[in-house]
N, C-alpha and C. Protein backbone atom coordinates (compact mmCIF):
# COMPACT_ATOMS: atom_id res chain seq x y z
N MET A 1 -8.93 -28.20 4.41
CA MET A 1 -8.80 -27.82 3.00
C MET A 1 -7.72 -26.76 2.88
N SER A 2 -6.85 -26.92 1.92
CA SER A 2 -5.74 -25.99 1.75
C SER A 2 -6.24 -24.65 1.22
N ILE A 3 -5.49 -23.60 1.53
CA ILE A 3 -5.82 -22.26 1.08
C ILE A 3 -5.44 -22.12 -0.39
N GLN A 4 -6.35 -21.62 -1.19
CA GLN A 4 -6.12 -21.52 -2.63
C GLN A 4 -5.73 -20.10 -3.02
N ILE A 5 -4.66 -19.98 -3.79
CA ILE A 5 -4.25 -18.70 -4.34
C ILE A 5 -4.89 -18.55 -5.72
N ILE A 6 -5.62 -17.47 -5.91
CA ILE A 6 -6.23 -17.18 -7.21
C ILE A 6 -5.59 -15.90 -7.73
N VAL A 7 -4.76 -16.02 -8.75
CA VAL A 7 -3.97 -14.90 -9.25
C VAL A 7 -4.79 -14.06 -10.22
N GLU A 8 -4.82 -12.76 -9.97
CA GLU A 8 -5.49 -11.83 -10.89
C GLU A 8 -4.85 -11.91 -12.27
N ASP A 9 -5.70 -12.09 -13.29
CA ASP A 9 -5.17 -12.23 -14.66
C ASP A 9 -5.18 -10.93 -15.44
N GLY A 10 -5.60 -9.84 -14.78
CA GLY A 10 -5.59 -8.55 -15.45
C GLY A 10 -6.89 -8.15 -16.08
N THR A 11 -7.93 -8.97 -15.91
CA THR A 11 -9.23 -8.65 -16.50
C THR A 11 -10.23 -8.13 -15.47
N GLY A 12 -9.85 -8.16 -14.19
CA GLY A 12 -10.77 -7.73 -13.15
C GLY A 12 -11.60 -8.89 -12.62
N MET A 13 -10.94 -9.95 -12.20
CA MET A 13 -11.63 -11.15 -11.73
C MET A 13 -12.40 -10.88 -10.43
N PRO A 14 -13.54 -11.55 -10.26
CA PRO A 14 -14.34 -11.33 -9.05
C PRO A 14 -13.86 -12.11 -7.84
N ASP A 15 -12.91 -13.03 -8.03
CA ASP A 15 -12.51 -13.90 -6.92
C ASP A 15 -11.00 -13.99 -6.72
N SER A 16 -10.22 -13.15 -7.38
CA SER A 16 -8.77 -13.21 -7.22
C SER A 16 -8.38 -12.70 -5.83
N ASN A 17 -7.27 -13.23 -5.31
CA ASN A 17 -6.81 -12.81 -3.99
C ASN A 17 -5.31 -12.54 -3.96
N SER A 18 -4.68 -12.51 -5.13
CA SER A 18 -3.24 -12.26 -5.19
C SER A 18 -2.88 -11.71 -6.56
N TYR A 19 -1.82 -10.91 -6.59
CA TYR A 19 -1.33 -10.40 -7.86
C TYR A 19 -0.22 -11.27 -8.44
N VAL A 20 0.33 -12.16 -7.64
CA VAL A 20 1.42 -13.03 -8.08
C VAL A 20 1.15 -14.46 -7.65
N ASP A 21 1.91 -15.37 -8.24
CA ASP A 21 1.82 -16.78 -7.90
C ASP A 21 2.91 -17.11 -6.88
N VAL A 22 2.73 -18.20 -6.17
CA VAL A 22 3.71 -18.59 -5.15
C VAL A 22 5.10 -18.79 -5.75
N SER A 23 5.16 -19.21 -6.99
CA SER A 23 6.45 -19.42 -7.64
C SER A 23 7.23 -18.11 -7.79
N ASP A 24 6.51 -17.00 -7.94
CA ASP A 24 7.16 -15.70 -8.05
C ASP A 24 7.87 -15.34 -6.74
N VAL A 25 7.20 -15.60 -5.63
CA VAL A 25 7.78 -15.30 -4.33
C VAL A 25 8.92 -16.27 -4.03
N ASP A 26 8.73 -17.54 -4.38
CA ASP A 26 9.80 -18.53 -4.19
C ASP A 26 11.08 -18.09 -4.90
N ALA A 27 10.92 -17.58 -6.12
CA ALA A 27 12.09 -17.18 -6.91
C ALA A 27 12.77 -15.95 -6.33
N ALA A 28 12.00 -15.08 -5.69
CA ALA A 28 12.57 -13.84 -5.16
C ALA A 28 13.17 -14.00 -3.77
N ALA A 29 12.80 -15.05 -3.07
CA ALA A 29 13.19 -15.21 -1.67
C ALA A 29 14.70 -15.16 -1.42
N PRO A 30 15.54 -15.76 -2.26
CA PRO A 30 16.98 -15.80 -1.92
C PRO A 30 17.74 -14.52 -2.20
N ILE A 31 17.14 -13.56 -2.93
CA ILE A 31 17.93 -12.41 -3.39
C ILE A 31 17.20 -11.11 -3.10
N GLY A 32 17.91 -10.02 -3.23
CA GLY A 32 17.29 -8.71 -3.11
C GLY A 32 17.36 -8.14 -1.70
N PRO A 33 16.91 -6.88 -1.55
CA PRO A 33 17.01 -6.19 -0.26
C PRO A 33 16.16 -6.82 0.84
N TYR A 34 15.11 -7.53 0.45
CA TYR A 34 14.25 -8.16 1.43
C TYR A 34 14.32 -9.69 1.35
N ALA A 35 15.47 -10.21 0.99
CA ALA A 35 15.65 -11.66 0.90
C ALA A 35 15.26 -12.32 2.21
N SER A 36 14.63 -13.47 2.10
CA SER A 36 14.11 -14.15 3.29
C SER A 36 14.58 -15.60 3.37
N ALA A 37 15.17 -15.93 4.51
CA ALA A 37 15.56 -17.32 4.76
C ALA A 37 14.38 -18.10 5.34
N LYS A 38 13.39 -17.40 5.84
CA LYS A 38 12.24 -18.06 6.47
C LYS A 38 11.18 -18.49 5.45
N TRP A 39 11.09 -17.74 4.34
CA TRP A 39 10.05 -18.06 3.37
C TRP A 39 10.10 -19.52 2.91
N PRO A 40 11.26 -20.07 2.54
CA PRO A 40 11.28 -21.47 2.08
C PRO A 40 10.85 -22.47 3.15
N THR A 41 10.88 -22.08 4.42
CA THR A 41 10.50 -23.01 5.49
C THR A 41 9.00 -23.05 5.74
N LEU A 42 8.25 -22.14 5.14
CA LEU A 42 6.80 -22.10 5.34
C LEU A 42 6.13 -23.21 4.54
N ASP A 43 5.04 -23.75 5.08
CA ASP A 43 4.29 -24.75 4.31
C ASP A 43 3.37 -24.02 3.33
N SER A 44 2.66 -24.76 2.51
CA SER A 44 1.87 -24.15 1.43
C SER A 44 0.78 -23.24 1.96
N ASP A 45 0.12 -23.63 3.04
CA ASP A 45 -0.94 -22.78 3.59
C ASP A 45 -0.37 -21.51 4.22
N GLN A 46 0.77 -21.61 4.86
CA GLN A 46 1.39 -20.43 5.44
C GLN A 46 1.82 -19.45 4.35
N LYS A 47 2.34 -19.99 3.26
CA LYS A 47 2.71 -19.12 2.14
C LYS A 47 1.48 -18.46 1.54
N ALA A 48 0.43 -19.24 1.35
CA ALA A 48 -0.80 -18.70 0.76
C ALA A 48 -1.39 -17.61 1.65
N ASN A 49 -1.42 -17.85 2.94
CA ASN A 49 -1.97 -16.86 3.86
C ASN A 49 -1.15 -15.57 3.84
N THR A 50 0.18 -15.72 3.77
CA THR A 50 1.06 -14.55 3.71
C THR A 50 0.84 -13.77 2.43
N MET A 51 0.67 -14.47 1.31
CA MET A 51 0.45 -13.81 0.04
C MET A 51 -0.88 -13.07 0.01
N ILE A 52 -1.91 -13.68 0.53
CA ILE A 52 -3.22 -13.03 0.57
C ILE A 52 -3.17 -11.81 1.48
N SER A 53 -2.45 -11.94 2.59
CA SER A 53 -2.31 -10.82 3.52
C SER A 53 -1.56 -9.66 2.87
N ALA A 54 -0.48 -9.97 2.16
CA ALA A 54 0.30 -8.93 1.50
C ALA A 54 -0.55 -8.18 0.47
N THR A 55 -1.35 -8.91 -0.28
CA THR A 55 -2.24 -8.27 -1.25
C THR A 55 -3.22 -7.35 -0.56
N ALA A 56 -3.80 -7.83 0.52
CA ALA A 56 -4.79 -7.04 1.26
C ALA A 56 -4.16 -5.78 1.84
N TYR A 57 -2.93 -5.88 2.35
CA TYR A 57 -2.26 -4.70 2.90
C TYR A 57 -1.99 -3.67 1.81
N LEU A 58 -1.52 -4.11 0.65
CA LEU A 58 -1.27 -3.17 -0.43
C LEU A 58 -2.54 -2.43 -0.83
N ASP A 59 -3.63 -3.16 -0.96
CA ASP A 59 -4.88 -2.54 -1.40
C ASP A 59 -5.51 -1.68 -0.31
N ALA A 60 -5.26 -2.01 0.95
CA ALA A 60 -5.86 -1.24 2.04
C ALA A 60 -5.05 0.00 2.40
N LEU A 61 -3.73 -0.08 2.29
CA LEU A 61 -2.87 1.01 2.74
C LEU A 61 -2.54 2.02 1.65
N ILE A 62 -2.76 1.65 0.40
CA ILE A 62 -2.47 2.55 -0.70
C ILE A 62 -3.76 3.01 -1.35
N VAL A 63 -3.90 4.32 -1.52
CA VAL A 63 -5.02 4.89 -2.27
C VAL A 63 -4.52 5.10 -3.70
N TRP A 64 -4.84 4.13 -4.53
CA TRP A 64 -4.29 4.10 -5.88
C TRP A 64 -4.91 5.18 -6.75
N ASN A 65 -4.14 5.67 -7.70
CA ASN A 65 -4.69 6.56 -8.71
C ASN A 65 -5.65 5.80 -9.61
N GLY A 66 -6.55 6.54 -10.25
CA GLY A 66 -7.46 5.93 -11.20
C GLY A 66 -8.64 5.23 -10.55
N TYR A 67 -9.26 4.34 -11.31
CA TYR A 67 -10.47 3.65 -10.88
C TYR A 67 -10.41 2.17 -11.24
N PRO A 68 -11.05 1.30 -10.44
CA PRO A 68 -11.10 -0.12 -10.79
C PRO A 68 -11.70 -0.32 -12.18
N LEU A 69 -11.18 -1.31 -12.89
CA LEU A 69 -11.63 -1.55 -14.26
C LEU A 69 -13.09 -1.95 -14.31
N VAL A 70 -13.51 -2.84 -13.42
CA VAL A 70 -14.91 -3.28 -13.38
C VAL A 70 -15.40 -3.26 -11.94
N ALA A 71 -16.69 -3.08 -11.77
CA ALA A 71 -17.26 -2.94 -10.43
C ALA A 71 -17.18 -4.22 -9.62
N THR A 72 -17.10 -5.36 -10.29
CA THR A 72 -17.17 -6.64 -9.59
C THR A 72 -15.79 -7.23 -9.24
N GLN A 73 -14.71 -6.54 -9.59
CA GLN A 73 -13.39 -7.12 -9.32
C GLN A 73 -13.12 -7.13 -7.82
N SER A 74 -12.38 -8.15 -7.39
CA SER A 74 -12.14 -8.34 -5.96
C SER A 74 -10.94 -7.54 -5.45
N LEU A 75 -10.00 -7.20 -6.33
CA LEU A 75 -8.81 -6.46 -5.94
C LEU A 75 -8.83 -5.06 -6.57
N GLU A 76 -7.87 -4.22 -6.18
CA GLU A 76 -7.83 -2.85 -6.67
C GLU A 76 -7.28 -2.74 -8.09
N TRP A 77 -6.53 -3.71 -8.52
CA TRP A 77 -6.02 -3.74 -9.90
C TRP A 77 -6.66 -4.90 -10.64
N PRO A 78 -6.93 -4.70 -11.96
CA PRO A 78 -6.53 -3.62 -12.87
C PRO A 78 -7.33 -2.33 -12.66
N ARG A 79 -6.77 -1.22 -13.19
CA ARG A 79 -7.39 0.09 -13.05
C ARG A 79 -7.26 0.88 -14.36
N TYR A 80 -8.15 1.85 -14.53
CA TYR A 80 -8.02 2.77 -15.66
C TYR A 80 -7.83 4.19 -15.14
N GLY A 81 -7.28 5.06 -15.99
CA GLY A 81 -7.06 6.44 -15.60
C GLY A 81 -5.80 6.64 -14.79
N VAL A 82 -4.86 5.71 -14.87
CA VAL A 82 -3.60 5.83 -14.14
C VAL A 82 -2.50 6.25 -15.12
N VAL A 83 -1.70 7.22 -14.72
CA VAL A 83 -0.64 7.75 -15.57
C VAL A 83 0.68 7.72 -14.83
N ARG A 84 1.69 7.17 -15.46
CA ARG A 84 3.07 7.27 -14.95
C ARG A 84 3.71 8.50 -15.58
N TYR A 85 4.74 9.02 -14.92
CA TYR A 85 5.49 10.13 -15.50
C TYR A 85 6.93 9.71 -15.72
N THR A 86 7.35 9.82 -16.97
CA THR A 86 8.73 9.55 -17.34
C THR A 86 9.23 10.77 -18.10
N GLY A 87 10.45 10.83 -18.41
CA GLY A 87 10.88 12.05 -19.08
C GLY A 87 12.24 11.87 -19.72
N PRO A 88 12.74 12.99 -20.26
CA PRO A 88 12.03 14.26 -20.39
C PRO A 88 11.07 14.26 -21.57
N SER A 89 10.14 15.21 -21.57
CA SER A 89 9.16 15.28 -22.64
C SER A 89 9.75 16.06 -23.81
N THR A 90 9.50 15.59 -25.03
CA THR A 90 9.99 16.24 -26.23
C THR A 90 8.88 16.23 -27.28
N PRO A 91 8.35 17.40 -27.72
CA PRO A 91 8.76 18.74 -27.28
C PRO A 91 8.29 19.01 -25.85
N PRO A 92 8.73 20.11 -25.23
CA PRO A 92 8.33 20.41 -23.86
C PRO A 92 6.82 20.44 -23.70
N ASP A 93 6.36 20.02 -22.55
CA ASP A 93 4.94 19.96 -22.25
C ASP A 93 4.35 21.37 -22.29
N THR A 94 3.32 21.57 -23.16
CA THR A 94 2.73 22.90 -23.28
C THR A 94 1.75 23.20 -22.17
N MET A 95 1.17 22.17 -21.54
CA MET A 95 0.23 22.39 -20.46
C MET A 95 0.97 22.78 -19.18
N TRP A 96 2.14 22.16 -18.97
CA TRP A 96 2.93 22.44 -17.76
C TRP A 96 4.30 22.92 -18.20
N PRO A 97 4.43 24.20 -18.54
CA PRO A 97 5.72 24.72 -19.03
C PRO A 97 6.86 24.42 -18.06
N GLY A 98 7.93 23.91 -18.61
CA GLY A 98 9.09 23.59 -17.79
C GLY A 98 8.99 22.24 -17.10
N TRP A 99 7.84 21.58 -17.21
CA TRP A 99 7.66 20.27 -16.57
C TRP A 99 8.52 19.24 -17.31
N PRO A 100 9.44 18.59 -16.62
CA PRO A 100 10.41 17.76 -17.33
C PRO A 100 9.95 16.34 -17.62
N MET A 101 8.75 15.98 -17.17
CA MET A 101 8.35 14.59 -17.26
C MET A 101 7.24 14.40 -18.29
N LEU A 102 7.22 13.25 -18.90
CA LEU A 102 6.26 12.93 -19.94
C LEU A 102 5.24 11.91 -19.41
N PRO A 103 3.93 12.21 -19.49
CA PRO A 103 2.93 11.27 -19.00
C PRO A 103 2.81 10.04 -19.89
N GLN A 104 2.75 8.88 -19.27
CA GLN A 104 2.58 7.61 -19.98
C GLN A 104 1.43 6.85 -19.35
N PRO A 105 0.30 6.70 -20.06
CA PRO A 105 -0.82 5.97 -19.49
C PRO A 105 -0.45 4.52 -19.16
N VAL A 106 -0.91 4.06 -18.03
CA VAL A 106 -0.71 2.67 -17.64
C VAL A 106 -1.77 1.83 -18.35
N PRO A 107 -1.41 0.70 -18.96
CA PRO A 107 -2.40 -0.13 -19.65
C PRO A 107 -3.60 -0.44 -18.77
N VAL A 108 -4.77 -0.41 -19.37
CA VAL A 108 -6.01 -0.61 -18.62
C VAL A 108 -6.11 -2.04 -18.11
N THR A 109 -5.76 -2.99 -18.92
CA THR A 109 -5.80 -4.38 -18.48
C THR A 109 -4.42 -4.80 -18.01
N GLY A 110 -4.41 -5.81 -17.17
CA GLY A 110 -3.14 -6.28 -16.62
C GLY A 110 -2.86 -5.63 -15.28
N VAL A 111 -1.81 -6.12 -14.63
CA VAL A 111 -1.36 -5.60 -13.34
C VAL A 111 0.06 -5.06 -13.53
N PRO A 112 0.32 -3.81 -13.16
CA PRO A 112 1.67 -3.25 -13.36
C PRO A 112 2.74 -4.08 -12.68
N PRO A 113 3.90 -4.19 -13.29
CA PRO A 113 4.98 -4.98 -12.68
C PRO A 113 5.39 -4.45 -11.31
N GLU A 114 5.24 -3.13 -11.08
CA GLU A 114 5.58 -2.58 -9.77
C GLU A 114 4.71 -3.18 -8.66
N VAL A 115 3.43 -3.39 -8.98
CA VAL A 115 2.50 -3.94 -8.00
C VAL A 115 2.86 -5.39 -7.70
N LYS A 116 3.18 -6.14 -8.74
CA LYS A 116 3.57 -7.53 -8.55
C LYS A 116 4.85 -7.63 -7.73
N GLN A 117 5.81 -6.79 -8.06
CA GLN A 117 7.08 -6.82 -7.33
C GLN A 117 6.87 -6.40 -5.88
N ALA A 118 6.00 -5.42 -5.68
CA ALA A 118 5.73 -4.95 -4.32
C ALA A 118 5.11 -6.06 -3.47
N GLN A 119 4.15 -6.78 -4.04
CA GLN A 119 3.54 -7.87 -3.28
C GLN A 119 4.57 -8.95 -2.98
N THR A 120 5.38 -9.27 -3.96
CA THR A 120 6.40 -10.30 -3.76
C THR A 120 7.33 -9.94 -2.61
N GLN A 121 7.82 -8.69 -2.62
CA GLN A 121 8.75 -8.26 -1.58
C GLN A 121 8.07 -8.14 -0.22
N LEU A 122 6.79 -7.73 -0.22
CA LEU A 122 6.07 -7.61 1.04
C LEU A 122 5.83 -8.98 1.66
N CYS A 123 5.62 -9.98 0.84
CA CYS A 123 5.49 -11.35 1.35
C CYS A 123 6.75 -11.75 2.13
N LEU A 124 7.91 -11.41 1.59
CA LEU A 124 9.17 -11.77 2.25
C LEU A 124 9.34 -10.99 3.56
N CYS A 125 8.93 -9.73 3.56
CA CYS A 125 8.99 -8.94 4.79
C CYS A 125 8.09 -9.53 5.86
N LEU A 126 6.89 -9.95 5.46
CA LEU A 126 5.97 -10.54 6.43
C LEU A 126 6.51 -11.86 6.95
N ALA A 127 7.11 -12.64 6.07
CA ALA A 127 7.68 -13.93 6.49
C ALA A 127 8.80 -13.73 7.50
N GLU A 128 9.60 -12.70 7.30
CA GLU A 128 10.73 -12.42 8.19
C GLU A 128 10.30 -11.69 9.46
N GLY A 129 9.10 -11.11 9.42
CA GLY A 129 8.67 -10.32 10.56
C GLY A 129 9.38 -8.98 10.64
N SER A 130 9.91 -8.52 9.51
CA SER A 130 10.68 -7.27 9.49
C SER A 130 9.80 -6.04 9.29
N TRP A 131 8.51 -6.26 9.04
CA TRP A 131 7.57 -5.15 8.89
C TRP A 131 6.30 -5.48 9.65
N VAL A 132 5.83 -4.52 10.44
CA VAL A 132 4.62 -4.70 11.22
C VAL A 132 3.54 -3.80 10.65
N PRO A 133 2.40 -4.34 10.24
CA PRO A 133 1.33 -3.51 9.71
C PRO A 133 0.91 -2.45 10.71
N ILE A 134 0.47 -1.31 10.21
CA ILE A 134 0.10 -0.19 11.07
C ILE A 134 -0.92 -0.61 12.12
N GLY A 135 -1.92 -1.38 11.72
CA GLY A 135 -2.97 -1.77 12.67
C GLY A 135 -2.48 -2.66 13.78
N ALA A 136 -1.30 -3.26 13.59
CA ALA A 136 -0.77 -4.16 14.62
C ALA A 136 0.28 -3.50 15.49
N GLN A 137 0.60 -2.23 15.21
CA GLN A 137 1.58 -1.53 16.01
C GLN A 137 0.94 -1.07 17.32
N THR A 138 1.68 -1.20 18.38
CA THR A 138 1.16 -0.90 19.71
C THR A 138 1.45 0.53 20.11
N VAL A 139 0.42 1.21 20.61
CA VAL A 139 0.59 2.54 21.17
C VAL A 139 0.35 2.42 22.67
N PRO A 140 1.39 2.58 23.51
CA PRO A 140 1.23 2.41 24.95
C PRO A 140 0.18 3.33 25.53
N ALA A 141 -0.44 2.89 26.59
CA ALA A 141 -1.46 3.69 27.25
C ALA A 141 -0.82 4.87 27.96
N ALA A 142 -1.68 5.83 28.35
CA ALA A 142 -1.19 7.00 29.07
C ALA A 142 -0.64 6.58 30.43
N SER A 143 0.20 7.42 30.98
CA SER A 143 0.84 7.11 32.25
C SER A 143 -0.21 7.02 33.36
N PRO A 144 0.02 6.17 34.38
CA PRO A 144 -0.92 6.02 35.48
C PRO A 144 -1.16 7.36 36.17
N GLY A 145 -2.36 7.50 36.74
CA GLY A 145 -2.67 8.72 37.48
C GLY A 145 -3.40 9.75 36.66
N GLY A 146 -3.72 9.40 35.41
CA GLY A 146 -4.47 10.34 34.60
C GLY A 146 -3.57 11.31 33.87
N ALA A 147 -4.19 12.08 32.98
CA ALA A 147 -3.43 13.03 32.18
C ALA A 147 -4.29 14.25 31.93
N PRO A 148 -3.67 15.40 31.67
CA PRO A 148 -4.44 16.60 31.37
C PRO A 148 -5.32 16.37 30.15
N VAL A 149 -6.54 16.88 30.21
CA VAL A 149 -7.50 16.71 29.13
C VAL A 149 -7.92 18.07 28.63
N GLN A 150 -7.90 18.24 27.31
CA GLN A 150 -8.33 19.48 26.69
C GLN A 150 -9.63 19.23 25.96
N HIS A 151 -10.61 20.12 26.13
CA HIS A 151 -11.92 19.96 25.50
C HIS A 151 -12.09 20.95 24.36
N MET A 152 -12.80 20.51 23.34
CA MET A 152 -13.12 21.39 22.22
C MET A 152 -14.53 21.09 21.77
N SER A 153 -15.33 22.14 21.60
CA SER A 153 -16.69 21.99 21.12
C SER A 153 -16.79 22.51 19.71
N ILE A 154 -17.54 21.79 18.87
CA ILE A 154 -17.73 22.16 17.48
C ILE A 154 -19.22 22.26 17.20
N GLY A 155 -19.58 23.27 16.43
CA GLY A 155 -20.99 23.43 16.07
C GLY A 155 -21.88 23.80 17.24
N GLY A 156 -21.40 24.72 18.06
CA GLY A 156 -22.22 25.17 19.18
C GLY A 156 -22.49 24.09 20.20
N GLY A 157 -21.55 23.17 20.35
CA GLY A 157 -21.71 22.11 21.34
C GLY A 157 -22.30 20.83 20.79
N ALA A 158 -22.58 20.81 19.47
CA ALA A 158 -23.14 19.60 18.87
C ALA A 158 -22.15 18.45 18.94
N ILE A 159 -20.86 18.77 18.85
CA ILE A 159 -19.80 17.76 18.94
C ILE A 159 -18.82 18.21 20.01
N ASP A 160 -18.51 17.32 20.94
CA ASP A 160 -17.56 17.64 21.99
C ASP A 160 -16.41 16.66 21.91
N LEU A 161 -15.20 17.18 21.79
CA LEU A 161 -14.01 16.35 21.67
C LEU A 161 -13.14 16.52 22.90
N SER A 162 -12.53 15.41 23.35
CA SER A 162 -11.61 15.44 24.49
C SER A 162 -10.27 14.90 24.04
N PHE A 163 -9.20 15.60 24.40
CA PHE A 163 -7.86 15.21 24.00
C PHE A 163 -7.00 14.95 25.23
N ASP A 164 -6.32 13.83 25.24
CA ASP A 164 -5.32 13.55 26.28
C ASP A 164 -4.03 14.24 25.85
N THR A 165 -3.62 15.25 26.60
CA THR A 165 -2.45 16.03 26.20
C THR A 165 -1.15 15.49 26.75
N ASN A 166 -1.21 14.44 27.56
CA ASN A 166 0.01 13.86 28.09
C ASN A 166 0.47 12.74 27.17
N ILE A 167 1.27 13.10 26.19
CA ILE A 167 1.68 12.12 25.17
C ILE A 167 3.18 11.84 25.25
N THR A 168 3.81 12.24 26.34
CA THR A 168 5.26 12.10 26.41
C THR A 168 5.71 10.65 26.43
N ASN A 169 4.86 9.74 26.91
CA ASN A 169 5.29 8.36 27.00
C ASN A 169 4.67 7.49 25.92
N ARG A 170 4.13 8.11 24.89
CA ARG A 170 3.49 7.33 23.85
C ARG A 170 4.38 7.22 22.63
N VAL A 171 4.19 6.14 21.89
CA VAL A 171 5.02 5.90 20.71
C VAL A 171 4.10 5.82 19.49
N ALA A 172 4.28 6.72 18.58
CA ALA A 172 3.48 6.72 17.36
C ALA A 172 4.24 6.01 16.25
N PRO A 173 3.54 5.32 15.36
CA PRO A 173 4.22 4.68 14.23
C PRO A 173 5.00 5.73 13.45
N SER A 174 6.19 5.38 13.02
CA SER A 174 7.02 6.34 12.31
C SER A 174 7.50 5.74 11.00
N GLY A 175 8.09 6.58 10.16
CA GLY A 175 8.62 6.13 8.89
C GLY A 175 7.53 5.98 7.84
N THR A 176 7.78 5.20 6.83
CA THR A 176 6.83 5.03 5.76
C THR A 176 5.77 4.01 6.14
N VAL A 177 4.65 4.06 5.43
CA VAL A 177 3.55 3.15 5.70
C VAL A 177 3.94 1.72 5.36
N LEU A 178 4.61 1.55 4.24
CA LEU A 178 5.13 0.25 3.82
C LEU A 178 6.66 0.28 3.94
N PRO A 179 7.31 -0.87 3.86
CA PRO A 179 8.78 -0.85 3.85
C PRO A 179 9.28 0.15 2.80
N PRO A 180 10.30 0.94 3.11
CA PRO A 180 10.69 2.08 2.28
C PRO A 180 10.88 1.78 0.80
N LEU A 181 11.60 0.73 0.46
CA LEU A 181 11.85 0.44 -0.95
C LEU A 181 10.58 0.03 -1.68
N ILE A 182 9.68 -0.62 -0.97
CA ILE A 182 8.41 -1.02 -1.59
C ILE A 182 7.56 0.20 -1.84
N GLN A 183 7.47 1.09 -0.86
CA GLN A 183 6.67 2.29 -1.05
C GLN A 183 7.24 3.16 -2.17
N ALA A 184 8.57 3.27 -2.23
CA ALA A 184 9.19 4.06 -3.29
C ALA A 184 8.90 3.46 -4.67
N LEU A 185 8.87 2.15 -4.74
CA LEU A 185 8.59 1.46 -5.99
C LEU A 185 7.20 1.82 -6.53
N LEU A 186 6.25 2.04 -5.62
CA LEU A 186 4.86 2.24 -6.00
C LEU A 186 4.46 3.69 -6.19
N VAL A 187 5.35 4.61 -5.85
CA VAL A 187 5.01 6.03 -5.89
C VAL A 187 4.35 6.48 -7.20
N PRO A 188 4.82 6.06 -8.38
CA PRO A 188 4.19 6.55 -9.61
C PRO A 188 2.74 6.11 -9.80
N LEU A 189 2.27 5.19 -8.99
CA LEU A 189 0.95 4.61 -9.22
C LEU A 189 -0.11 5.03 -8.22
N TYR A 190 0.27 5.77 -7.20
CA TYR A 190 -0.75 6.09 -6.20
C TYR A 190 -0.77 7.55 -5.82
N GLY A 191 -1.93 7.96 -5.25
CA GLY A 191 -2.12 9.33 -4.80
C GLY A 191 -1.50 9.54 -3.44
N TYR A 192 -1.80 8.66 -2.50
CA TYR A 192 -1.18 8.75 -1.19
C TYR A 192 -1.32 7.42 -0.47
N ALA A 193 -0.50 7.27 0.58
CA ALA A 193 -0.56 6.08 1.42
C ALA A 193 -1.26 6.44 2.72
N VAL A 194 -2.10 5.55 3.21
CA VAL A 194 -2.82 5.80 4.45
C VAL A 194 -1.81 6.03 5.57
N GLY A 195 -1.85 7.20 6.18
CA GLY A 195 -0.90 7.53 7.22
C GLY A 195 0.38 8.12 6.70
N GLY A 196 0.50 8.25 5.36
CA GLY A 196 1.72 8.79 4.77
C GLY A 196 1.44 10.07 4.03
N GLY A 197 2.38 10.50 3.20
CA GLY A 197 2.27 11.77 2.52
C GLY A 197 1.74 11.63 1.11
N THR A 198 1.39 12.78 0.52
CA THR A 198 0.94 12.80 -0.86
C THR A 198 2.15 13.01 -1.76
N PHE A 199 1.97 12.75 -3.04
CA PHE A 199 3.07 12.83 -3.97
C PHE A 199 2.65 13.58 -5.23
N TRP A 200 3.62 14.17 -5.90
CA TRP A 200 3.31 14.97 -7.09
C TRP A 200 2.72 14.16 -8.22
N GLN A 201 2.91 12.85 -8.22
CA GLN A 201 2.38 12.02 -9.29
C GLN A 201 0.86 11.91 -9.25
N SER A 202 0.25 12.31 -8.15
CA SER A 202 -1.17 12.09 -7.95
C SER A 202 -2.01 12.82 -8.99
N LYS A 203 -2.96 12.12 -9.56
CA LYS A 203 -3.93 12.72 -10.47
C LYS A 203 -5.34 12.63 -9.91
N VAL A 204 -5.62 11.55 -9.20
CA VAL A 204 -6.96 11.34 -8.67
C VAL A 204 -6.83 10.91 -7.22
N PHE A 205 -7.57 11.56 -6.34
CA PHE A 205 -7.60 11.17 -4.94
C PHE A 205 -8.94 10.50 -4.66
N GLN A 206 -8.88 9.36 -4.03
CA GLN A 206 -10.10 8.66 -3.67
C GLN A 206 -10.14 8.44 -2.17
N GLY A 207 -11.32 8.29 -1.65
CA GLY A 207 -11.47 7.98 -0.23
C GLY A 207 -11.37 9.18 0.66
N GLY A 208 -11.47 10.40 0.11
CA GLY A 208 -11.50 11.61 0.92
C GLY A 208 -10.14 12.12 1.27
């Protein structure tokens, strides 16, 4: 049975698995910074799997501002309580003197175009293999022969932590959590990216 793409219609569907349709990705494949020659060669199931994966990565790696519209929705969008900042504000913002940007609430229903564009571009990155999800990045093991270990006790010995201090031969993931242009596109809509930094646009932090 073929994999079915169910596009979120902006009402908070309980079974949606994508923010865009395959035709959106097909149209974007030949152009742009993440243009993909491989995307057109994928069969329908490969495209569907890539699209579902891209949606899942966006929702898992980004801690979005605001709250899901309904408790039963399957994806993180639509959301309420999300504010974009544009500017300059006229008259000047009285709550934040000198603040040059004007808050613009994001519509409660629907999916922001930035999110749709981000998923579309991430699909192309996945098809090309130009971006590796954080969970799939390899961290080499410590060098043979053991490594110095540092111990730390917390709470009078209730918790004991051990640290391998020989990290000279290890490689940690670097750069942005998502491909740079995609992450920059989404900055006005989220509090922080898992493994990344926080941003001034943040109004609500979720997930600790």
